[in-house]
N, C-alpha and C. Protein backbone atom coordinates (compact mmCIF):
# COMPACT_ATOMS: atom_id res chain seq x y z
N UNK A 1 0.33 -29.45 -73.30
CA UNK A 1 1.27 -30.48 -73.61
C UNK A 1 2.57 -30.15 -72.90
N UNK A 2 3.27 -31.17 -72.41
CA UNK A 2 4.53 -30.96 -71.74
C UNK A 2 5.37 -32.22 -71.77
N UNK A 3 6.57 -32.08 -71.29
CA UNK A 3 7.50 -33.20 -71.21
C UNK A 3 7.73 -33.50 -69.73
N UNK A 4 7.44 -34.72 -69.34
CA UNK A 4 7.64 -35.14 -67.96
C UNK A 4 8.23 -36.55 -67.97
N UNK A 5 8.70 -36.99 -66.82
CA UNK A 5 9.17 -38.38 -66.70
C UNK A 5 7.99 -39.32 -66.90
N UNK A 6 8.22 -40.43 -67.59
CA UNK A 6 7.16 -41.40 -67.86
C UNK A 6 6.53 -41.89 -66.57
N UNK A 7 7.35 -42.16 -65.54
CA UNK A 7 6.80 -42.67 -64.29
C UNK A 7 5.87 -41.66 -63.63
N UNK A 8 6.18 -40.36 -63.77
CA UNK A 8 5.29 -39.33 -63.22
C UNK A 8 3.98 -39.28 -63.99
N UNK A 9 4.05 -39.37 -65.30
CA UNK A 9 2.84 -39.34 -66.12
C UNK A 9 1.95 -40.55 -65.82
N UNK A 10 2.56 -41.71 -65.69
CA UNK A 10 1.77 -42.92 -65.43
C UNK A 10 1.13 -42.90 -64.05
N UNK A 11 1.71 -42.16 -63.12
CA UNK A 11 1.17 -42.09 -61.76
C UNK A 11 0.10 -41.01 -61.62
N UNK A 12 -0.12 -40.23 -62.67
CA UNK A 12 -1.05 -39.10 -62.60
C UNK A 12 -2.35 -39.40 -63.33
N UNK A 13 -3.46 -39.21 -62.64
CA UNK A 13 -4.76 -39.36 -63.29
C UNK A 13 -4.97 -38.22 -64.28
N UNK A 14 -5.61 -38.51 -65.37
CA UNK A 14 -5.94 -37.47 -66.33
C UNK A 14 -4.80 -37.08 -67.26
N UNK A 15 -3.70 -37.81 -67.19
CA UNK A 15 -2.58 -37.52 -68.08
C UNK A 15 -2.53 -38.61 -69.14
N UNK A 16 -2.37 -38.20 -70.38
CA UNK A 16 -2.31 -39.16 -71.48
C UNK A 16 -0.93 -39.07 -72.13
N UNK A 17 -0.28 -40.21 -72.27
CA UNK A 17 1.03 -40.25 -72.93
C UNK A 17 0.83 -40.13 -74.44
N UNK A 18 1.53 -39.18 -75.04
CA UNK A 18 1.46 -39.01 -76.49
C UNK A 18 2.64 -39.69 -77.17
N UNK A 19 3.71 -39.88 -76.44
CA UNK A 19 4.90 -40.52 -77.01
C UNK A 19 6.00 -40.60 -75.98
N UNK A 20 7.00 -41.38 -76.30
CA UNK A 20 8.15 -41.56 -75.42
C UNK A 20 9.43 -41.26 -76.19
N UNK A 21 10.39 -40.65 -75.52
CA UNK A 21 11.71 -40.49 -76.12
C UNK A 21 12.41 -41.84 -76.08
N UNK A 22 13.12 -42.22 -77.12
CA UNK A 22 13.87 -43.48 -77.08
C UNK A 22 14.91 -43.42 -75.96
N UNK A 23 15.10 -44.54 -75.27
CA UNK A 23 16.03 -44.55 -74.14
C UNK A 23 17.47 -44.28 -74.58
N UNK A 24 17.78 -44.54 -75.85
CA UNK A 24 19.14 -44.25 -76.31
C UNK A 24 19.30 -42.80 -76.79
N UNK A 25 18.26 -41.98 -76.63
CA UNK A 25 18.32 -40.58 -77.04
C UNK A 25 18.84 -39.68 -75.92
N UNK A 26 19.09 -40.25 -74.75
CA UNK A 26 19.56 -39.46 -73.62
C UNK A 26 20.35 -40.34 -72.66
N UNK A 27 21.10 -39.70 -71.80
CA UNK A 27 21.82 -40.42 -70.76
C UNK A 27 20.82 -41.02 -69.78
N UNK A 28 21.18 -42.10 -69.11
CA UNK A 28 20.28 -42.65 -68.09
C UNK A 28 19.97 -41.60 -67.02
N UNK A 29 18.74 -41.61 -66.54
CA UNK A 29 18.33 -40.70 -65.48
C UNK A 29 18.67 -41.38 -64.16
N UNK A 30 19.44 -40.70 -63.35
CA UNK A 30 19.94 -41.30 -62.10
C UNK A 30 19.46 -40.45 -60.93
N UNK A 31 18.95 -41.12 -59.92
CA UNK A 31 18.56 -40.47 -58.67
C UNK A 31 19.58 -40.88 -57.61
N UNK A 32 20.59 -40.06 -57.35
CA UNK A 32 21.62 -40.45 -56.39
C UNK A 32 21.15 -40.28 -54.94
N UNK A 33 21.81 -40.99 -54.06
CA UNK A 33 21.60 -40.82 -52.63
C UNK A 33 22.98 -40.71 -52.00
N UNK A 34 23.11 -39.80 -51.05
CA UNK A 34 24.41 -39.60 -50.41
C UNK A 34 24.21 -39.06 -49.01
N UNK A 35 25.13 -39.43 -48.14
CA UNK A 35 25.16 -38.83 -46.81
C UNK A 35 25.74 -37.42 -46.98
N UNK A 36 25.09 -36.43 -46.39
CA UNK A 36 25.56 -35.05 -46.54
C UNK A 36 26.23 -34.55 -45.26
N UNK A 37 26.61 -35.48 -44.43
CA UNK A 37 27.26 -35.14 -43.17
C UNK A 37 28.31 -36.20 -42.88
N UNK A 38 29.36 -35.79 -42.19
CA UNK A 38 30.38 -36.77 -41.79
C UNK A 38 29.81 -37.75 -40.78
N UNK A 39 28.73 -37.37 -40.13
CA UNK A 39 28.09 -38.22 -39.12
C UNK A 39 26.59 -38.26 -39.36
N UNK A 40 26.15 -39.00 -40.40
CA UNK A 40 24.71 -39.05 -40.69
C UNK A 40 23.93 -39.70 -39.56
N UNK A 41 22.68 -39.33 -39.43
CA UNK A 41 21.84 -39.89 -38.37
C UNK A 41 21.56 -41.36 -38.65
N UNK A 42 21.20 -42.07 -37.60
CA UNK A 42 20.87 -43.49 -37.76
C UNK A 42 19.67 -43.66 -38.69
N UNK A 43 18.72 -42.73 -38.61
CA UNK A 43 17.56 -42.79 -39.51
C UNK A 43 17.97 -42.67 -40.97
N UNK A 44 18.91 -41.77 -41.25
CA UNK A 44 19.39 -41.61 -42.63
C UNK A 44 20.09 -42.86 -43.11
N UNK A 45 20.89 -43.46 -42.24
CA UNK A 45 21.59 -44.70 -42.61
C UNK A 45 20.60 -45.84 -42.83
N UNK A 46 19.58 -45.91 -41.99
CA UNK A 46 18.56 -46.95 -42.14
C UNK A 46 17.82 -46.78 -43.47
N UNK A 47 17.46 -45.55 -43.80
CA UNK A 47 16.79 -45.29 -45.07
C UNK A 47 17.67 -45.68 -46.24
N UNK A 48 18.94 -45.30 -46.20
CA UNK A 48 19.84 -45.65 -47.30
C UNK A 48 19.98 -47.15 -47.44
N UNK A 49 20.12 -47.86 -46.34
CA UNK A 49 20.22 -49.33 -46.41
C UNK A 49 18.96 -49.91 -47.03
N UNK A 50 17.79 -49.40 -46.64
CA UNK A 50 16.55 -49.93 -47.19
C UNK A 50 16.45 -49.62 -48.68
N UNK A 51 16.78 -48.39 -49.09
CA UNK A 51 16.71 -48.02 -50.50
C UNK A 51 17.62 -48.89 -51.37
N UNK A 52 18.68 -49.42 -50.78
CA UNK A 52 19.61 -50.29 -51.51
C UNK A 52 19.24 -51.76 -51.39
N UNK A 53 18.16 -52.08 -50.68
CA UNK A 53 17.78 -53.48 -50.45
C UNK A 53 17.08 -54.08 -51.66
N UNK A 54 17.03 -55.41 -51.70
CA UNK A 54 16.32 -56.11 -52.78
C UNK A 54 14.83 -55.78 -52.75
N UNK A 55 14.25 -55.62 -51.55
CA UNK A 55 12.83 -55.27 -51.45
C UNK A 55 12.55 -53.92 -52.11
N UNK A 56 13.38 -52.93 -51.81
CA UNK A 56 13.19 -51.60 -52.40
C UNK A 56 13.40 -51.65 -53.91
N UNK A 57 14.41 -52.38 -54.35
CA UNK A 57 14.67 -52.49 -55.79
C UNK A 57 13.47 -53.09 -56.51
N UNK A 58 12.85 -54.10 -55.91
CA UNK A 58 11.67 -54.72 -56.53
C UNK A 58 10.52 -53.72 -56.64
N UNK A 59 10.33 -52.90 -55.61
CA UNK A 59 9.28 -51.88 -55.63
C UNK A 59 9.56 -50.87 -56.75
N UNK A 60 10.80 -50.41 -56.84
CA UNK A 60 11.16 -49.45 -57.89
C UNK A 60 10.95 -50.05 -59.28
N UNK A 61 11.33 -51.30 -59.45
CA UNK A 61 11.17 -51.95 -60.76
C UNK A 61 9.70 -52.08 -61.13
N UNK A 62 8.85 -52.42 -60.17
CA UNK A 62 7.40 -52.51 -60.45
C UNK A 62 6.83 -51.16 -60.85
N UNK A 63 7.44 -50.08 -60.34
CA UNK A 63 6.97 -48.73 -60.67
C UNK A 63 7.60 -48.20 -61.96
N UNK A 64 8.39 -49.02 -62.64
CA UNK A 64 8.95 -48.62 -63.92
C UNK A 64 10.36 -48.05 -63.88
N UNK A 65 11.00 -48.11 -62.73
CA UNK A 65 12.37 -47.61 -62.61
C UNK A 65 13.36 -48.74 -62.79
N UNK A 66 14.51 -48.43 -63.38
CA UNK A 66 15.62 -49.38 -63.42
C UNK A 66 16.38 -49.30 -62.11
N UNK A 67 17.06 -50.36 -61.76
CA UNK A 67 17.86 -50.34 -60.52
C UNK A 67 19.23 -50.90 -60.76
């Protein structure tokens, strides 16, 4: 038995959810994104733009993430 993120458990075969912590029992879980250089690569900028797009948000929402 262990405690993992719900989205990880749901994506794993052979894992059974026994219960969920209420969402008001903890701070929201946030996955930040940031440029770590004064001059990020074009690829990094493209990825960040896509992750912030409506298409990416829809994919995250279908996978159980808030956006």
